Amino acid sequence: MGQLLEECVCYFKKRDVYKKLFSALRKKYASLGHMGGVIKLSGLSSDEKYDLEGFFKKDLHAEEDVKISYAFMEKSLKNSKFAPLSWEEILTAYFKEQLIIKNDKKEKELNNRNCFFEECALNCNNKIVLNWFLHVFKEKGKGSQIIFKMYNEDKKELELFLNKLFLALGKLPCFEKKMLLLPVFAAKTTGNPHFFDLRTSACKLLLSFIEYLLENKNFCEFNIGDTDGLSGIEYTENLLYSVGILKDNVSNTCLVYGLHGVKKDGSIHKGMEGAFIEREPVQVTLKTLSSLECLCTGNSMQEIKEIYVVENPAVFSYLTDTYPDGVFICGNGQFKLAFYITLELLKGKYTIFYAGDFDADGLMIAQKLKNRYPSQVVLWEYNEEYYKRYLSDVQLDNKALAKLEKVVVKELQPVKNSLLKYKMAAYQETMLEIYLPYSSK
């Protein structure tokens, strides 16, 4: 630092008011990208105003808020003993750092952040996990806001968190053809059974990774299909199951009748077999379904090729009582994960006949199933004559009518058009006599 510059800085540092002035000027410079503008200083004491007057040679005591333009500062500097200096030189020496334009500052912060994440990526030894992570932070993929927020809060904590996350994602159960409960998976991979608890940052990033796998068709064996209409928790359960993780393996069930369960070792599931022998329905849990290789009907000598799926439990009960030799599944309103797993375990070997209510929700459910299994599902008895015959006095509201506009499957159009015309629902509990399994006709 030159002697004149050193003397100048010493002069201003002896007078505290200049720290306020120079801080405001530095901020203005960062915003404008050059020296300029007007500095406003409020709440100055009489002594502070006096110190400013000593350099700027102007009476400032009459002003409640002191306003000093950069043009005036430049003129005052040229009229002082420090005239050979510039305000850029003075501020740089005063703060002992270079002046920074806001854009430059942002760019520097961005570079620092990118360097941090690139160093974190070096700790990831799994190629698929690494590609996902690069996609998240470089292309701002789903989950980027989470890691950027954690970066701003605590970089060191984030680094430790990411190391655990990378190890866990590289050990998803699907990679080893296994099924694990969510807390068991978390405990085995991170040492903390609550690491992936729902709605935590870790769980959200896990779901982001699974969606990335599904988009790139990597390893996810279970087809989660059309997710329209699924609740948040149902969508999460589907995603987790697709990579071999069960959120809950006992409360999520599907009601079936007339099906054998074949376990992964080729043996028959004795619990399901007991219900089959007794001609009774059975609630199959995700725990049971995850232990099975497939589901089948009848036996090797006389396999039944037609399976009947209905929306409502009462209709399911009627059919199992009336046709004890048939095979039936109950969707029980909106389909749960267990229902879809049940259909997946049928391995596409059977024709699925589906029947539901003649209302907006019923048609949407039927459409969802038809779209998911177009060659396997037959829409059963969706006939406008039946609709008119069993018309109820339950009126469809505007929301339901708007929902009907989304029904585009060809086979549902006659019933859809009748619903739009009459604006009344018809329920399958009143249509029991029309449901005749084809093998019984």
Protein backbone atom coordinates (compact mmCIF):
# COMPACT_ATOMS: atom_id res chain seq x y z
CA MET A 1 0.00 0.00 0.00
CA GLY A 2 1.40 3.37 -0.97
CA GLN A 3 2.07 5.96 1.70
CA LEU A 4 -0.70 8.31 0.51
CA LEU A 5 -3.24 5.46 0.37
CA GLU A 6 -2.20 4.30 3.82
CA GLU A 7 -2.58 7.82 5.20
CA CYS A 8 -5.99 8.11 3.51
CA VAL A 9 -7.30 4.83 4.99
CA CYS A 10 -5.95 5.83 8.40
CA TYR A 11 -7.82 9.15 8.18
CA PHE A 12 -11.16 7.51 7.38
CA LYS A 13 -10.80 4.65 9.88
CA LYS A 14 -10.33 7.14 12.73
CA ARG A 15 -13.85 8.42 12.02
CA ASP A 16 -16.55 5.69 12.43
CA VAL A 17 -19.13 7.43 10.27
CA TYR A 18 -17.09 6.59 7.15
CA LYS A 19 -17.64 2.87 7.76
CA LYS A 20 -21.37 3.53 7.31
CA LEU A 21 -20.74 5.63 4.22
CA PHE A 22 -18.26 3.22 2.62
CA SER A 23 -20.41 0.16 3.38
CA ALA A 24 -23.36 1.81 1.64
CA LEU A 25 -21.13 2.84 -1.27
CA ARG A 26 -19.74 -0.69 -1.61
CA LYS A 27 -23.29 -2.10 -1.67
CA LYS A 28 -24.29 0.46 -4.29
CA TYR A 29 -21.27 -0.53 -6.40
CA ALA A 30 -22.22 -4.22 -6.16
CA SER A 31 -25.74 -3.40 -7.32
CA LEU A 32 -24.87 -0.98 -10.15
CA GLY A 33 -21.67 -2.65 -11.31
CA HIS A 34 -19.88 0.75 -11.15
CA MET A 35 -19.44 3.74 -8.85
CA GLY A 36 -22.48 5.99 -8.88
CA GLY A 37 -25.83 6.81 -7.34
CA VAL A 38 -26.76 8.58 -4.11
CA ILE A 39 -25.97 7.37 -0.59
CA LYS A 40 -28.55 8.05 2.12
CA LEU A 41 -27.46 7.92 5.78
CA SER A 42 -30.15 8.12 8.45
CA GLY A 43 -29.94 8.65 12.21
CA LEU A 44 -26.48 10.22 12.27
CA SER A 45 -25.33 11.91 15.42
CA SER A 46 -24.10 15.49 15.50
CA ASP A 47 -20.48 14.25 15.84
CA GLU A 48 -20.85 11.95 12.83
CA LYS A 49 -22.18 14.81 10.73
CA TYR A 50 -19.28 16.95 11.91
CA ASP A 51 -16.79 14.27 10.77
CA LEU A 52 -18.41 14.18 7.32
CA GLU A 53 -18.34 17.96 7.07
CA GLY A 54 -14.59 17.94 7.75
CA PHE A 55 -13.92 16.08 4.49
CA PHE A 56 -16.81 17.16 2.27
CA LYS A 57 -16.70 20.85 3.28
CA LYS A 58 -20.47 21.13 3.43
CA ASP A 59 -22.89 21.96 6.26
CA LEU A 60 -24.86 18.79 6.91
CA HIS A 61 -26.40 19.59 10.32
CA ALA A 62 -29.59 20.98 8.83
CA GLU A 63 -30.32 17.62 7.10
CA GLU A 64 -32.17 14.94 9.08
CA ASP A 65 -31.20 12.29 6.51
CA VAL A 66 -27.82 12.99 4.95
CA LYS A 67 -27.74 12.38 1.19
CA ILE A 68 -24.40 12.31 -0.60
CA SER A 69 -24.17 11.66 -4.33
CA TYR A 70 -21.20 9.84 -5.80
CA ALA A 71 -20.60 12.81 -8.10
CA PHE A 72 -20.23 15.02 -5.02
CA MET A 73 -17.91 12.47 -3.38
CA GLU A 74 -15.76 12.41 -6.52
CA LYS A 75 -15.56 16.22 -6.61
CA SER A 76 -14.68 16.35 -2.90
CA LEU A 77 -11.93 13.75 -3.36
CA LYS A 78 -10.37 15.77 -6.23
CA ASN A 79 -10.32 18.84 -3.99
CA SER A 80 -8.56 16.98 -1.16
CA LYS A 81 -4.95 15.98 -0.49
CA PHE A 82 -5.96 12.45 -1.58
CA ALA A 83 -6.78 13.58 -5.13
CA PRO A 84 -4.34 11.14 -6.83
CA LEU A 85 -6.38 8.26 -5.44
CA SER A 86 -9.70 6.83 -6.64
CA TRP A 87 -12.63 5.77 -4.49
CA GLU A 88 -12.19 2.19 -5.82
CA GLU A 89 -8.63 2.15 -4.46
CA ILE A 90 -9.70 3.67 -1.15
CA LEU A 91 -12.59 1.21 -0.55
CA THR A 92 -10.45 -1.80 -1.55
CA ALA A 93 -7.75 -0.80 0.93
CA TYR A 94 -10.28 0.18 3.61
CA PHE A 95 -12.09 -3.20 3.55
CA LYS A 96 -8.95 -5.17 2.60
CA GLU A 97 -10.80 -6.97 -0.23
CA GLN A 98 -11.70 -6.36 -3.83
CA LEU A 99 -14.99 -4.73 -4.70
CA ILE A 100 -17.48 -7.28 -6.01
CA ILE A 101 -20.32 -6.76 -8.43
CA LYS A 102 -23.45 -8.72 -7.43
CA ASN A 103 -23.37 -10.84 -10.58
CA ASP A 104 -19.73 -11.68 -9.91
CA LYS A 105 -20.61 -12.58 -6.33
CA LYS A 106 -23.42 -14.85 -7.45
CA GLU A 107 -21.17 -16.49 -10.00
CA LYS A 108 -18.52 -17.06 -7.35
CA GLU A 109 -21.10 -18.57 -4.96
CA LEU A 110 -22.42 -20.78 -7.77
CA ASN A 111 -18.92 -21.98 -8.60
CA ASN A 112 -18.27 -22.75 -4.94
CA ARG A 113 -21.50 -24.70 -4.73
CA ASN A 114 -20.75 -26.67 -7.88
CA CYS A 115 -17.26 -27.49 -6.61
CA PHE A 116 -18.76 -28.73 -3.34
CA PHE A 117 -21.22 -31.05 -5.08
CA GLU A 118 -18.61 -32.29 -7.53
CA GLU A 119 -16.38 -33.20 -4.58
CA CYS A 120 -19.33 -34.99 -2.95
CA ALA A 121 -19.93 -36.86 -6.21
CA LEU A 122 -16.38 -38.25 -5.99
CA ASN A 123 -17.54 -40.22 -2.93
CA CYS A 124 -20.23 -42.00 -4.96
CA ASN A 125 -19.05 -45.35 -6.31
CA ASN A 126 -22.33 -46.43 -7.94
CA LYS A 127 -22.69 -45.32 -11.56
CA ILE A 128 -26.52 -45.19 -11.55
CA VAL A 129 -26.62 -43.24 -8.29
CA LEU A 130 -23.92 -40.89 -9.58
CA ASN A 131 -25.81 -40.21 -12.82
CA TRP A 132 -28.94 -39.41 -10.81
CA PHE A 133 -27.05 -37.07 -8.49
CA LEU A 134 -25.41 -35.23 -11.40
CA HIS A 135 -28.86 -34.89 -12.97
CA VAL A 136 -30.23 -33.42 -9.73
CA PHE A 137 -27.62 -30.76 -9.06
CA LYS A 138 -26.48 -29.94 -12.60
CA GLU A 139 -29.83 -30.05 -14.39
CA LYS A 140 -31.88 -29.07 -11.33
CA GLY A 141 -33.75 -32.37 -11.40
CA LYS A 142 -36.36 -33.29 -8.80
CA GLY A 143 -34.78 -33.02 -5.37
CA SER A 144 -32.40 -30.17 -6.24
CA GLN A 145 -34.21 -27.67 -4.00
CA ILE A 146 -33.78 -30.04 -1.06
CA ILE A 147 -30.01 -30.41 -1.42
CA PHE A 148 -29.50 -26.71 -2.19
CA LYS A 149 -31.43 -25.79 0.96
CA MET A 150 -29.35 -28.24 3.01
CA TYR A 151 -26.20 -26.79 1.43
CA ASN A 152 -27.14 -23.28 2.59
CA GLU A 153 -27.92 -24.53 6.10
CA ASP A 154 -24.92 -26.75 6.85
CA LYS A 155 -22.44 -27.92 4.23
CA LYS A 156 -20.60 -30.33 6.52
CA GLU A 157 -23.83 -31.97 7.64
CA LEU A 158 -24.94 -32.27 4.01
CA GLU A 159 -21.69 -33.98 3.05
CA LEU A 160 -22.20 -36.63 5.75
CA PHE A 161 -25.86 -37.00 4.75
CA LEU A 162 -25.03 -37.50 1.06
CA ASN A 163 -22.42 -40.15 1.85
CA LYS A 164 -25.08 -42.17 3.69
CA LEU A 165 -27.65 -41.55 0.96
CA PHE A 166 -25.29 -42.70 -1.83
CA LEU A 167 -24.52 -45.95 -0.02
CA ALA A 168 -28.21 -46.65 0.64
CA LEU A 169 -29.38 -45.92 -2.93
CA GLY A 170 -26.73 -48.27 -4.28
CA LYS A 171 -28.15 -51.08 -2.13
CA LEU A 172 -31.84 -50.97 -3.05
CA PRO A 173 -33.48 -54.37 -2.45
CA CYS A 174 -34.39 -54.68 -6.13
CA PHE A 175 -30.70 -54.81 -7.04
CA GLU A 176 -30.49 -58.07 -5.08
CA LYS A 177 -33.98 -59.38 -5.98
CA LYS A 178 -35.20 -58.86 -2.41
CA MET A 179 -38.10 -57.21 -0.58
CA LEU A 180 -37.52 -55.21 2.62
CA LEU A 181 -39.63 -53.06 4.93
CA LEU A 182 -38.69 -49.37 4.74
CA PRO A 183 -37.26 -49.11 8.30
CA VAL A 184 -35.34 -52.36 7.84
CA PHE A 185 -33.83 -51.09 4.60
CA ALA A 186 -32.91 -47.80 6.32
CA ALA A 187 -31.31 -49.57 9.27
CA LYS A 188 -29.33 -51.98 7.08
CA THR A 189 -27.93 -49.25 4.83
CA THR A 190 -27.54 -46.21 7.12
CA GLY A 191 -27.69 -47.61 10.67
CA ASN A 192 -30.77 -45.49 11.36
CA PRO A 193 -34.23 -47.10 10.89
CA HIS A 194 -35.81 -43.62 10.68
CA PHE A 195 -33.43 -42.24 8.04
CA PHE A 196 -36.04 -42.70 5.26
CA ASP A 197 -39.16 -41.95 7.29
CA LEU A 198 -41.92 -40.52 5.10
CA ARG A 199 -41.79 -36.79 4.38
CA THR A 200 -38.12 -36.50 5.44
CA SER A 201 -35.58 -35.03 3.02
CA ALA A 202 -33.98 -38.47 2.71
CA CYS A 203 -37.29 -40.10 1.72
CA LYS A 204 -38.03 -37.37 -0.83
CA LEU A 205 -34.61 -37.90 -2.42
CA LEU A 206 -35.13 -41.67 -2.38
CA LEU A 207 -38.39 -41.17 -4.29
CA SER A 208 -36.60 -38.83 -6.71
CA PHE A 209 -34.04 -41.56 -7.37
CA ILE A 210 -36.76 -44.19 -7.95
CA GLU A 211 -38.54 -41.89 -10.42
CA TYR A 212 -35.21 -41.44 -12.20
CA LEU A 213 -34.84 -45.24 -12.42
CA LEU A 214 -38.35 -45.60 -13.80
CA GLU A 215 -37.80 -42.88 -16.40
CA ASN A 216 -34.61 -44.61 -17.51
CA LYS A 217 -36.13 -48.11 -17.21
CA ASN A 218 -33.45 -49.32 -14.81
CA PHE A 219 -34.10 -52.23 -12.44
CA CYS A 220 -37.68 -51.36 -11.44
CA GLU A 221 -39.50 -54.64 -12.07
CA PHE A 222 -42.96 -53.58 -10.92
CA ASN A 223 -44.92 -51.46 -13.40
CA ILE A 224 -46.58 -48.72 -11.35
CA GLY A 225 -48.73 -47.86 -14.36
CA ASP A 226 -51.12 -44.91 -14.53
CA THR A 227 -50.75 -42.84 -11.35
CA ASP A 228 -53.66 -40.50 -12.10
CA GLY A 229 -56.07 -40.49 -9.17
CA LEU A 230 -53.64 -41.98 -6.67
CA SER A 231 -53.29 -40.21 -3.34
CA GLY A 232 -49.82 -39.03 -2.30
CA ILE A 233 -49.32 -41.97 0.05
CA GLU A 234 -50.55 -44.48 -2.57
CA TYR A 235 -48.13 -43.05 -5.15
CA THR A 236 -45.29 -43.29 -2.62
CA GLU A 237 -46.17 -46.92 -1.82
CA ASN A 238 -46.15 -47.79 -5.53
CA LEU A 239 -42.76 -46.16 -6.05
CA LEU A 240 -41.20 -47.89 -3.05
CA TYR A 241 -42.59 -51.28 -4.04
CA SER A 242 -41.15 -50.92 -7.54
CA VAL A 243 -37.64 -51.12 -6.03
CA GLY A 244 -38.42 -53.80 -3.44
CA ILE A 245 -39.33 -51.60 -0.45
CA LEU A 246 -42.53 -52.05 1.54
CA LYS A 247 -43.83 -49.12 3.56
CA ASP A 248 -46.30 -51.42 5.29
CA ASN A 249 -46.66 -55.11 4.52
CA VAL A 250 -49.81 -56.05 6.46
CA SER A 251 -52.48 -53.31 6.22
CA ASN A 252 -52.37 -53.06 2.41
CA THR A 253 -54.44 -56.02 1.21
CA CYS A 254 -56.43 -57.45 -1.67
CA LEU A 255 -59.53 -59.65 -1.36
CA VAL A 256 -59.35 -62.74 -3.60
CA TYR A 257 -61.24 -65.99 -4.13
CA GLY A 258 -60.26 -69.15 -6.00
CA LEU A 259 -56.54 -68.44 -6.40
CA HIS A 260 -53.48 -70.55 -5.54
CA GLY A 261 -50.30 -68.85 -4.43
CA VAL A 262 -46.99 -70.26 -5.67
CA LYS A 263 -44.00 -69.23 -3.55
CA LYS A 264 -40.59 -68.33 -4.94
CA ASP A 265 -39.25 -71.80 -4.08
CA GLY A 266 -42.05 -73.41 -6.12
CA SER A 267 -44.13 -74.61 -3.16
CA ILE A 268 -47.79 -73.78 -2.64
CA HIS A 269 -48.67 -71.11 -0.09
CA LYS A 270 -50.52 -73.11 2.56
CA GLY A 271 -52.52 -70.19 3.95
CA MET A 272 -54.03 -69.32 0.59
CA GLU A 273 -54.47 -73.00 -0.18
CA GLY A 274 -56.57 -73.46 2.96
CA ALA A 275 -58.94 -70.72 1.84
CA PHE A 276 -59.07 -72.26 -1.66
CA ILE A 277 -59.99 -75.70 -0.27
CA GLU A 278 -62.62 -74.25 2.06
CA ARG A 279 -64.05 -72.14 -0.77
CA GLU A 280 -63.58 -68.95 1.22
CA PRO A 281 -62.32 -65.48 0.29
CA VAL A 282 -58.95 -64.42 1.72
CA GLN A 283 -57.40 -61.01 2.38
CA VAL A 284 -53.93 -61.28 0.87
CA THR A 285 -51.40 -58.87 2.40
CA LEU A 286 -48.39 -57.31 0.72
CA LYS A 287 -46.27 -59.53 2.97
CA THR A 288 -47.86 -62.61 1.45
CA LEU A 289 -47.77 -61.23 -2.10
CA SER A 290 -44.08 -60.35 -1.83
CA SER A 291 -43.30 -63.97 -0.98
CA LEU A 292 -45.00 -65.29 -4.13
CA GLU A 293 -43.61 -66.05 -7.54
CA CYS A 294 -47.06 -66.13 -9.15
CA LEU A 295 -50.79 -66.68 -8.67
CA CYS A 296 -52.75 -69.29 -10.61
CA THR A 297 -56.24 -70.76 -10.92
CA GLY A 298 -57.58 -74.34 -10.81
CA ASN A 299 -54.85 -76.90 -11.37
CA SER A 300 -52.54 -78.06 -14.14
CA MET A 301 -55.28 -80.36 -15.48
CA GLN A 302 -58.10 -77.80 -15.53
CA GLU A 303 -56.91 -74.22 -15.29
CA ILE A 304 -59.60 -71.52 -15.31
CA LYS A 305 -58.70 -68.77 -17.79
CA GLU A 306 -61.33 -66.21 -16.74
CA ILE A 307 -60.97 -64.03 -13.64
CA TYR A 308 -63.74 -61.66 -12.58
CA VAL A 309 -62.91 -58.41 -10.83
CA VAL A 310 -65.59 -56.21 -9.27
CA GLU A 311 -65.49 -52.82 -7.59
CA ASN A 312 -67.67 -53.52 -4.55
CA PRO A 313 -67.35 -56.10 -1.71
CA ALA A 314 -71.10 -56.87 -1.68
CA VAL A 315 -71.02 -57.88 -5.35
CA PHE A 316 -67.85 -59.92 -4.72
CA SER A 317 -69.60 -61.76 -1.86
CA TYR A 318 -72.65 -62.46 -4.02
CA LEU A 319 -70.54 -63.88 -6.86
CA THR A 320 -68.41 -66.12 -4.61
CA ASP A 321 -71.56 -67.52 -2.97
CA THR A 322 -73.44 -67.97 -6.26
CA TYR A 323 -70.54 -69.31 -8.35
CA PRO A 324 -68.24 -71.20 -5.94
CA ASP A 325 -66.16 -72.62 -8.80
CA GLY A 326 -65.26 -69.20 -10.18
CA VAL A 327 -62.25 -66.97 -9.56
CA PHE A 328 -62.93 -63.47 -8.22
CA ILE A 329 -61.02 -60.40 -7.03
CA CYS A 330 -62.44 -57.35 -5.25
CA GLY A 331 -61.05 -53.92 -6.15
CA ASN A 332 -62.84 -52.40 -3.14
CA GLY A 333 -63.22 -48.93 -4.64
CA GLN A 334 -59.96 -47.23 -5.53
CA PHE A 335 -57.30 -49.86 -6.20
CA LYS A 336 -54.54 -50.29 -3.64
CA LEU A 337 -51.00 -51.42 -4.31
CA ALA A 338 -51.88 -54.97 -3.21
CA PHE A 339 -54.54 -55.12 -5.93
CA TYR A 340 -52.06 -54.23 -8.67
CA ILE A 341 -49.47 -56.66 -7.32
CA THR A 342 -52.13 -59.37 -7.41
CA LEU A 343 -52.77 -58.70 -11.10
CA GLU A 344 -49.03 -58.57 -11.82
CA LEU A 345 -48.60 -62.00 -10.19
CA LEU A 346 -51.15 -63.46 -12.62
CA LYS A 347 -48.36 -62.97 -15.22
CA GLY A 348 -50.76 -61.95 -17.99
CA LYS A 349 -51.99 -65.55 -18.39
CA TYR A 350 -55.68 -64.84 -17.81
CA THR A 351 -58.51 -62.71 -19.17
CA ILE A 352 -59.67 -60.19 -16.58
CA PHE A 353 -63.36 -59.26 -16.70
CA TYR A 354 -63.99 -56.03 -14.77
CA ALA A 355 -67.31 -54.58 -13.59
CA GLY A 356 -67.97 -51.45 -11.52
CA ASP A 357 -70.51 -48.75 -10.74
CA PHE A 358 -72.05 -46.64 -13.47
CA ASP A 359 -70.96 -43.27 -12.14
CA ALA A 360 -68.03 -40.91 -12.72
CA ASP A 361 -65.63 -42.60 -10.30
CA GLY A 362 -66.66 -46.07 -11.46
CA LEU A 363 -65.96 -45.28 -15.11
CA MET A 364 -62.63 -43.64 -14.25
CA ILE A 365 -61.56 -46.75 -12.33
CA ALA A 366 -62.57 -48.99 -15.24
CA GLN A 367 -60.66 -46.79 -17.68
CA LYS A 368 -57.55 -46.84 -15.49
CA LEU A 369 -57.58 -50.64 -15.39
CA LYS A 370 -58.21 -50.95 -19.14
CA ASN A 371 -55.39 -48.53 -19.94
CA ARG A 372 -52.98 -50.38 -17.70
CA TYR A 373 -53.78 -53.85 -19.08
CA PRO A 374 -55.31 -53.15 -22.52
CA SER A 375 -54.95 -56.66 -23.97
CA GLN A 376 -55.87 -58.50 -20.78
CA VAL A 377 -58.86 -56.58 -19.39
CA VAL A 378 -62.39 -56.90 -20.76
CA LEU A 379 -64.93 -54.36 -19.50
CA TRP A 380 -67.81 -56.50 -18.27
CA GLU A 381 -71.45 -55.59 -18.93
CA TYR A 382 -70.91 -51.87 -19.53
CA ASN A 383 -74.20 -51.61 -21.38
CA GLU A 384 -76.36 -48.48 -21.67
CA GLU A 385 -79.53 -50.61 -21.51
CA TYR A 386 -78.43 -51.92 -18.12
CA TYR A 387 -77.71 -48.35 -17.05
CA LYS A 388 -81.24 -47.23 -17.91
CA ARG A 389 -82.77 -50.33 -16.30
CA TYR A 390 -80.99 -49.84 -12.96
CA LEU A 391 -80.98 -46.05 -12.84
CA SER A 392 -80.93 -44.73 -9.26
CA ASP A 393 -82.17 -41.40 -7.93
CA VAL A 394 -78.63 -40.33 -6.99
CA GLN A 395 -77.85 -37.21 -9.00
CA LEU A 396 -74.36 -36.47 -10.34
CA ASP A 397 -72.96 -33.08 -9.34
CA ASN A 398 -71.03 -30.76 -11.65
CA LYS A 399 -67.69 -32.09 -10.42
CA ALA A 400 -68.67 -35.65 -11.35
CA LEU A 401 -69.98 -34.54 -14.74
CA ALA A 402 -66.68 -32.74 -15.43
CA LYS A 403 -64.80 -35.90 -14.48
CA LEU A 404 -66.80 -37.88 -17.05
CA GLU A 405 -65.32 -35.73 -19.82
CA LYS A 406 -61.99 -37.46 -19.11
CA VAL A 407 -63.45 -40.88 -19.94
CA VAL A 408 -62.17 -41.65 -23.44
CA VAL A 409 -62.05 -45.46 -23.62
CA LYS A 410 -64.24 -46.57 -26.52
CA GLU A 411 -66.12 -49.34 -24.65
CA LEU A 412 -67.27 -46.86 -21.98
CA GLN A 413 -68.72 -44.24 -24.31
CA PRO A 414 -72.35 -45.55 -24.41
CA VAL A 415 -72.62 -45.54 -20.60
CA LYS A 416 -70.73 -42.24 -20.35
CA ASN A 417 -73.12 -40.55 -22.81
CA SER A 418 -76.14 -41.86 -20.88
CA LEU A 419 -74.66 -40.56 -17.63
CA LEU A 420 -74.19 -37.12 -19.19
CA LYS A 421 -77.75 -37.21 -20.50
CA TYR A 422 -79.61 -38.43 -17.40
CA LYS A 423 -77.13 -37.18 -14.75
CA MET A 424 -77.99 -40.09 -12.47
CA ALA A 425 -75.81 -42.95 -11.17
CA ALA A 426 -76.47 -46.69 -11.32
CA TYR A 427 -74.80 -49.00 -8.80
CA GLN A 428 -73.68 -52.56 -9.36
CA GLU A 429 -75.23 -53.80 -6.10
CA THR A 430 -78.62 -53.41 -7.85
CA MET A 431 -77.44 -55.29 -10.98
CA LEU A 432 -76.45 -58.61 -9.42
CA GLU A 433 -78.50 -60.74 -11.84
CA ILE A 434 -76.63 -59.42 -14.90
CA TYR A 435 -73.25 -60.63 -13.63
CA LEU A 436 -73.10 -64.12 -15.09
CA PRO A 437 -69.53 -65.48 -15.34
CA TYR A 438 -69.03 -66.64 -18.93
CA SER A 439 -68.20 -70.17 -17.82
CA SER A 440 -71.65 -70.30 -16.17
CA LYS A 441 -73.63 -69.12 -19.21
